[in-house]
N, C-alpha and C. Protein backbone atom coordinates (compact mmCIF):
# COMPACT_ATOMS: atom_id res chain seq x y z
N MET A 1 76.91 135.03 82.35
CA MET A 1 75.98 136.10 82.07
C MET A 1 75.11 136.32 83.30
N ALA A 2 75.01 137.57 83.79
CA ALA A 2 74.29 137.88 85.02
C ALA A 2 72.83 137.49 84.95
N ASN A 3 72.17 137.74 83.84
CA ASN A 3 70.75 137.42 83.70
C ASN A 3 70.52 135.93 83.84
N GLU A 4 71.38 135.11 83.27
CA GLU A 4 71.24 133.66 83.39
C GLU A 4 71.42 133.21 84.84
N LYS A 5 72.37 133.82 85.57
CA LYS A 5 72.56 133.48 86.98
C LYS A 5 71.30 133.81 87.77
N PHE A 6 70.67 134.95 87.47
CA PHE A 6 69.42 135.32 88.16
C PHE A 6 68.34 134.29 87.88
N LYS A 7 68.21 133.89 86.62
CA LYS A 7 67.18 132.92 86.25
C LYS A 7 67.38 131.60 86.97
N VAL A 8 68.61 131.16 87.07
CA VAL A 8 68.88 129.89 87.75
C VAL A 8 68.65 130.04 89.25
N LYS A 9 69.16 131.13 89.86
CA LYS A 9 69.05 131.33 91.29
C LYS A 9 67.60 131.42 91.75
N PHE A 10 66.76 132.15 91.01
CA PHE A 10 65.39 132.37 91.42
C PHE A 10 64.40 131.43 90.75
N GLY A 11 64.86 130.44 90.03
CA GLY A 11 63.98 129.43 89.47
C GLY A 11 63.06 129.93 88.37
N LEU A 12 63.44 131.00 87.68
CA LEU A 12 62.61 131.50 86.60
C LEU A 12 62.83 130.67 85.35
N ALA A 13 61.78 130.45 84.62
CA ALA A 13 61.87 129.69 83.39
C ALA A 13 62.50 130.53 82.29
N VAL A 14 63.27 129.91 81.43
CA VAL A 14 63.83 130.59 80.29
C VAL A 14 62.75 130.70 79.23
N GLY A 15 62.64 131.83 78.60
CA GLY A 15 61.61 132.02 77.58
C GLY A 15 60.94 133.35 77.78
N ASP A 16 59.61 133.36 77.87
CA ASP A 16 58.85 134.60 78.00
C ASP A 16 58.98 135.22 79.38
N THR A 17 59.40 134.47 80.36
CA THR A 17 59.53 134.98 81.72
C THR A 17 60.74 135.91 81.79
N SER A 18 60.55 137.07 82.43
CA SER A 18 61.66 138.00 82.52
C SER A 18 61.57 138.80 83.80
N ALA A 19 62.70 139.28 84.23
CA ALA A 19 62.76 140.16 85.40
C ALA A 19 63.86 141.17 85.17
N THR A 20 63.69 142.37 85.70
CA THR A 20 64.72 143.40 85.62
C THR A 20 65.06 143.80 87.04
N ILE A 21 66.33 143.79 87.36
CA ILE A 21 66.81 144.12 88.70
C ILE A 21 67.51 145.47 88.65
N ASP A 22 67.20 146.37 89.59
CA ASP A 22 67.91 147.63 89.73
C ASP A 22 69.27 147.31 90.36
N ALA A 23 70.33 147.54 89.63
CA ALA A 23 71.66 147.17 90.09
C ALA A 23 72.07 147.89 91.37
N ALA A 24 71.59 149.12 91.56
CA ALA A 24 71.98 149.89 92.74
C ALA A 24 71.29 149.39 94.00
N THR A 25 70.01 148.99 93.89
CA THR A 25 69.25 148.62 95.08
C THR A 25 69.02 147.12 95.21
N GLY A 26 69.13 146.39 94.11
CA GLY A 26 68.81 144.97 94.13
C GLY A 26 67.32 144.70 94.05
N ASN A 27 66.52 145.76 93.87
CA ASN A 27 65.07 145.61 93.78
C ASN A 27 64.65 145.08 92.42
N ILE A 28 63.61 144.28 92.39
CA ILE A 28 63.02 143.86 91.12
C ILE A 28 62.19 145.04 90.63
N VAL A 29 62.52 145.55 89.45
CA VAL A 29 61.85 146.73 88.91
C VAL A 29 60.69 146.31 88.03
N THR A 30 60.90 145.31 87.19
CA THR A 30 59.82 144.79 86.36
C THR A 30 59.85 143.28 86.44
N LEU A 31 58.71 142.68 86.32
CA LEU A 31 58.61 141.24 86.38
C LEU A 31 57.56 140.82 85.37
N GLY A 32 57.96 139.97 84.44
CA GLY A 32 57.03 139.50 83.42
C GLY A 32 56.19 138.36 83.94
N ASP A 33 55.42 137.75 83.06
CA ASP A 33 54.58 136.63 83.44
C ASP A 33 55.45 135.47 83.93
N ILE A 34 55.03 134.85 85.02
CA ILE A 34 55.74 133.69 85.55
C ILE A 34 54.78 132.53 85.54
N ASP A 35 55.14 131.48 84.86
CA ASP A 35 54.31 130.28 84.79
C ASP A 35 55.05 129.16 85.50
N VAL A 36 54.60 128.83 86.69
CA VAL A 36 55.25 127.77 87.45
C VAL A 36 54.43 126.49 87.38
N GLN A 37 53.48 126.45 86.48
CA GLN A 37 52.67 125.27 86.21
C GLN A 37 52.04 124.69 87.47
N GLY A 38 51.29 125.53 88.18
CA GLY A 38 50.54 125.06 89.33
C GLY A 38 51.28 125.10 90.65
N GLY A 39 52.54 125.48 90.65
CA GLY A 39 53.29 125.55 91.90
C GLY A 39 53.15 126.90 92.56
N ASN A 40 53.63 127.03 93.77
CA ASN A 40 53.60 128.29 94.50
C ASN A 40 54.71 129.21 94.01
N ILE A 41 54.51 130.51 94.17
CA ILE A 41 55.56 131.48 93.93
C ILE A 41 55.95 132.03 95.30
N ASN A 42 57.15 131.79 95.73
CA ASN A 42 57.61 132.24 97.04
C ASN A 42 58.51 133.46 96.87
N ILE A 43 58.22 134.51 97.63
CA ILE A 43 59.06 135.69 97.68
C ILE A 43 59.68 135.69 99.07
N ILE A 44 60.96 135.41 99.14
CA ILE A 44 61.61 135.24 100.43
C ILE A 44 62.76 136.24 100.54
N PRO A 45 62.61 137.26 101.40
CA PRO A 45 63.69 138.24 101.55
C PRO A 45 64.92 137.61 102.19
N ASN A 46 66.04 138.26 101.99
CA ASN A 46 67.29 137.82 102.58
C ASN A 46 67.30 138.22 104.06
N GLY A 47 67.52 137.29 104.95
CA GLY A 47 67.60 137.60 106.38
C GLY A 47 66.28 138.09 106.93
N THR A 48 66.31 139.25 107.58
CA THR A 48 65.11 139.81 108.21
C THR A 48 64.42 140.83 107.31
N GLY A 49 64.75 140.87 106.03
CA GLY A 49 64.14 141.82 105.10
C GLY A 49 62.64 141.63 105.01
N ASP A 50 61.95 142.65 104.54
CA ASP A 50 60.50 142.63 104.36
C ASP A 50 60.18 142.65 102.87
N VAL A 51 58.94 142.38 102.53
CA VAL A 51 58.46 142.46 101.15
C VAL A 51 57.54 143.66 101.06
N TYR A 52 57.85 144.59 100.18
CA TYR A 52 57.03 145.78 99.96
C TYR A 52 56.35 145.65 98.61
N LEU A 53 55.04 145.82 98.58
CA LEU A 53 54.28 145.89 97.33
C LEU A 53 53.98 147.37 97.12
N THR A 54 54.77 148.03 96.33
CA THR A 54 54.67 149.47 96.16
C THR A 54 53.74 149.79 95.00
N THR A 55 52.46 149.90 95.33
CA THR A 55 51.43 150.18 94.35
C THR A 55 50.22 150.76 95.07
N ASP A 56 49.29 151.31 94.33
CA ASP A 56 48.10 151.88 94.96
C ASP A 56 47.10 150.83 95.39
N VAL A 57 47.00 149.74 94.66
CA VAL A 57 46.00 148.70 94.93
C VAL A 57 46.66 147.33 94.81
N VAL A 58 46.36 146.44 95.74
CA VAL A 58 46.81 145.05 95.67
C VAL A 58 45.57 144.17 95.66
N TYR A 59 45.46 143.34 94.65
CA TYR A 59 44.33 142.42 94.54
C TYR A 59 44.77 141.04 94.98
N VAL A 60 43.88 140.32 95.66
CA VAL A 60 44.16 138.94 96.04
C VAL A 60 43.02 138.06 95.54
N GLY A 61 43.33 136.81 95.28
CA GLY A 61 42.31 135.84 94.90
C GLY A 61 42.06 135.79 93.41
N ASP A 62 41.44 134.71 93.00
CA ASP A 62 41.00 134.54 91.62
C ASP A 62 39.67 135.25 91.44
N ALA A 63 39.34 135.57 90.20
CA ALA A 63 38.06 136.24 89.93
C ALA A 63 36.90 135.39 90.47
N ASN A 64 36.02 136.04 91.22
CA ASN A 64 34.80 135.42 91.74
C ASN A 64 35.05 134.25 92.69
N ALA A 65 36.21 134.17 93.27
CA ALA A 65 36.50 133.11 94.24
C ALA A 65 36.80 133.74 95.60
N THR A 66 36.57 133.00 96.65
CA THR A 66 36.89 133.47 97.98
C THR A 66 38.40 133.62 98.11
N ALA A 67 38.84 134.74 98.65
CA ALA A 67 40.27 134.99 98.85
C ALA A 67 40.59 134.88 100.33
N THR A 68 41.77 134.40 100.65
CA THR A 68 42.21 134.24 102.03
C THR A 68 43.53 134.96 102.23
N ILE A 69 43.60 135.74 103.28
CA ILE A 69 44.87 136.33 103.71
C ILE A 69 45.14 135.75 105.09
N SER A 70 46.28 135.13 105.26
CA SER A 70 46.57 134.43 106.50
C SER A 70 48.05 134.54 106.84
N THR A 71 48.38 134.28 108.09
CA THR A 71 49.78 134.18 108.48
C THR A 71 50.29 132.79 108.12
N ASN A 72 51.58 132.65 108.03
CA ASN A 72 52.19 131.36 107.71
C ASN A 72 52.77 130.77 109.00
N GLY A 73 51.92 130.57 109.97
CA GLY A 73 52.37 130.07 111.26
C GLY A 73 51.45 130.58 112.35
N THR A 74 51.96 130.67 113.56
CA THR A 74 51.11 130.99 114.71
C THR A 74 51.09 132.47 115.07
N GLY A 75 51.60 133.34 114.20
CA GLY A 75 51.57 134.77 114.50
C GLY A 75 50.19 135.36 114.31
N ASN A 76 49.93 136.47 114.98
CA ASN A 76 48.68 137.20 114.80
C ASN A 76 48.70 137.90 113.45
N LEU A 77 47.51 138.25 112.94
CA LEU A 77 47.39 139.00 111.71
C LEU A 77 46.96 140.42 112.07
N VAL A 78 47.73 141.43 111.64
CA VAL A 78 47.46 142.82 112.00
C VAL A 78 47.33 143.64 110.72
N LEU A 79 46.29 144.46 110.67
CA LEU A 79 46.08 145.38 109.57
C LEU A 79 46.15 146.80 110.11
N ASN A 80 47.04 147.62 109.53
CA ASN A 80 47.15 149.01 109.95
C ASN A 80 47.60 149.87 108.77
N THR A 81 47.73 151.16 108.99
CA THR A 81 48.16 152.07 107.95
C THR A 81 49.43 152.81 108.37
N ASN A 82 50.03 153.53 107.43
CA ASN A 82 51.17 154.41 107.70
C ASN A 82 52.31 153.69 108.43
N ALA A 83 52.57 152.46 108.02
CA ALA A 83 53.64 151.67 108.63
C ALA A 83 53.49 151.57 110.14
N ASN A 84 52.24 151.55 110.60
CA ASN A 84 51.88 151.46 112.01
C ASN A 84 52.35 152.66 112.84
N VAL A 85 52.49 153.82 112.20
CA VAL A 85 52.81 155.05 112.91
C VAL A 85 51.53 155.88 113.00
N ASN A 86 51.11 156.19 114.19
CA ASN A 86 49.87 156.95 114.41
C ASN A 86 48.69 156.30 113.71
N SER A 87 48.57 155.01 113.84
CA SER A 87 47.51 154.28 113.16
C SER A 87 46.77 153.39 114.13
N GLY A 88 45.46 153.29 113.95
CA GLY A 88 44.72 152.26 114.64
C GLY A 88 45.00 150.94 113.95
N ASN A 89 44.46 149.86 114.48
CA ASN A 89 44.69 148.58 113.82
C ASN A 89 43.57 147.60 114.10
N ILE A 90 43.53 146.60 113.26
CA ILE A 90 42.66 145.45 113.44
C ILE A 90 43.59 144.26 113.66
N THR A 91 43.43 143.58 114.76
CA THR A 91 44.28 142.43 115.07
C THR A 91 43.42 141.19 115.20
N ILE A 92 43.78 140.15 114.45
CA ILE A 92 43.14 138.85 114.58
C ILE A 92 44.16 137.96 115.29
N ALA A 93 43.85 137.61 116.54
CA ALA A 93 44.78 136.80 117.33
C ALA A 93 44.70 135.36 116.86
N GLN A 94 45.83 134.72 116.81
CA GLN A 94 45.89 133.33 116.35
C GLN A 94 45.36 132.38 117.42
N GLY A 95 45.02 131.20 116.99
CA GLY A 95 44.67 130.14 117.92
C GLY A 95 43.19 130.05 118.22
N VAL A 96 42.84 128.95 118.86
CA VAL A 96 41.45 128.72 119.28
C VAL A 96 41.06 129.80 120.28
N ASP A 97 39.87 130.32 120.15
CA ASP A 97 39.34 131.37 121.03
C ASP A 97 40.12 132.68 120.95
N GLY A 98 40.89 132.89 119.88
CA GLY A 98 41.63 134.13 119.71
C GLY A 98 40.67 135.29 119.47
N ALA A 99 40.98 136.42 120.02
CA ALA A 99 40.13 137.61 119.92
C ALA A 99 40.38 138.34 118.60
N ILE A 100 39.39 139.11 118.16
CA ILE A 100 39.55 140.06 117.06
C ILE A 100 39.42 141.43 117.70
N THR A 101 40.48 142.22 117.61
CA THR A 101 40.52 143.51 118.28
C THR A 101 40.48 144.64 117.25
N LEU A 102 39.53 145.57 117.43
CA LEU A 102 39.46 146.79 116.63
C LEU A 102 39.96 147.90 117.52
N ALA A 103 41.13 148.44 117.22
CA ALA A 103 41.75 149.40 118.13
C ALA A 103 42.02 150.72 117.42
N PRO A 104 41.10 151.69 117.55
CA PRO A 104 41.34 153.00 116.95
C PRO A 104 42.52 153.70 117.62
N ASN A 105 43.11 154.65 116.90
CA ASN A 105 44.19 155.44 117.46
C ASN A 105 43.63 156.72 118.06
N GLY A 106 44.09 157.09 119.23
CA GLY A 106 43.65 158.35 119.85
C GLY A 106 42.14 158.38 120.08
N THR A 107 41.50 159.41 119.57
CA THR A 107 40.05 159.56 119.77
C THR A 107 39.25 158.94 118.63
N GLY A 108 39.90 158.16 117.78
CA GLY A 108 39.21 157.49 116.68
C GLY A 108 38.10 156.58 117.18
N THR A 109 37.14 156.29 116.34
CA THR A 109 36.02 155.44 116.72
C THR A 109 35.92 154.26 115.78
N VAL A 110 35.18 153.25 116.20
CA VAL A 110 34.86 152.10 115.35
C VAL A 110 33.45 152.33 114.85
N ILE A 111 33.28 152.35 113.55
CA ILE A 111 31.96 152.60 112.94
C ILE A 111 31.51 151.33 112.25
N VAL A 112 30.34 150.87 112.61
CA VAL A 112 29.74 149.71 111.96
C VAL A 112 28.49 150.21 111.27
N SER A 113 28.43 149.98 109.97
CA SER A 113 27.30 150.49 109.19
C SER A 113 26.69 149.37 108.37
N ASN A 114 25.37 149.38 108.26
CA ASN A 114 24.72 148.37 107.44
C ASN A 114 24.14 148.96 106.16
N THR A 115 24.52 150.22 105.86
CA THR A 115 24.05 150.83 104.63
C THR A 115 24.92 150.38 103.47
N LEU A 116 24.28 150.18 102.34
CA LEU A 116 25.02 149.73 101.15
C LEU A 116 25.33 150.87 100.24
């Protein structure tokens, strides 16, 4: 049964946990609650594939707790828009004494405001 092979391959628990895969694209279309009992959930693309979170808003962290976004190694962390096409960016360079660069695109400016 294909669904059972998916559950075994991706380590999903049998029971309330569920996933639906689009047969044409291989994309996960729906994903139910996953309880790994305190373990990490790893999303690892095949080969050089990327992970796309296709939604309007992505939340990180537990409620009222400090959230961390970091690289998993010595790469720099870059934030940009529009798949980095015609976009400025914020780059946090890795390592001791690494720079934080605010780089607007074209005639864009960096605005720092203390108004709430």
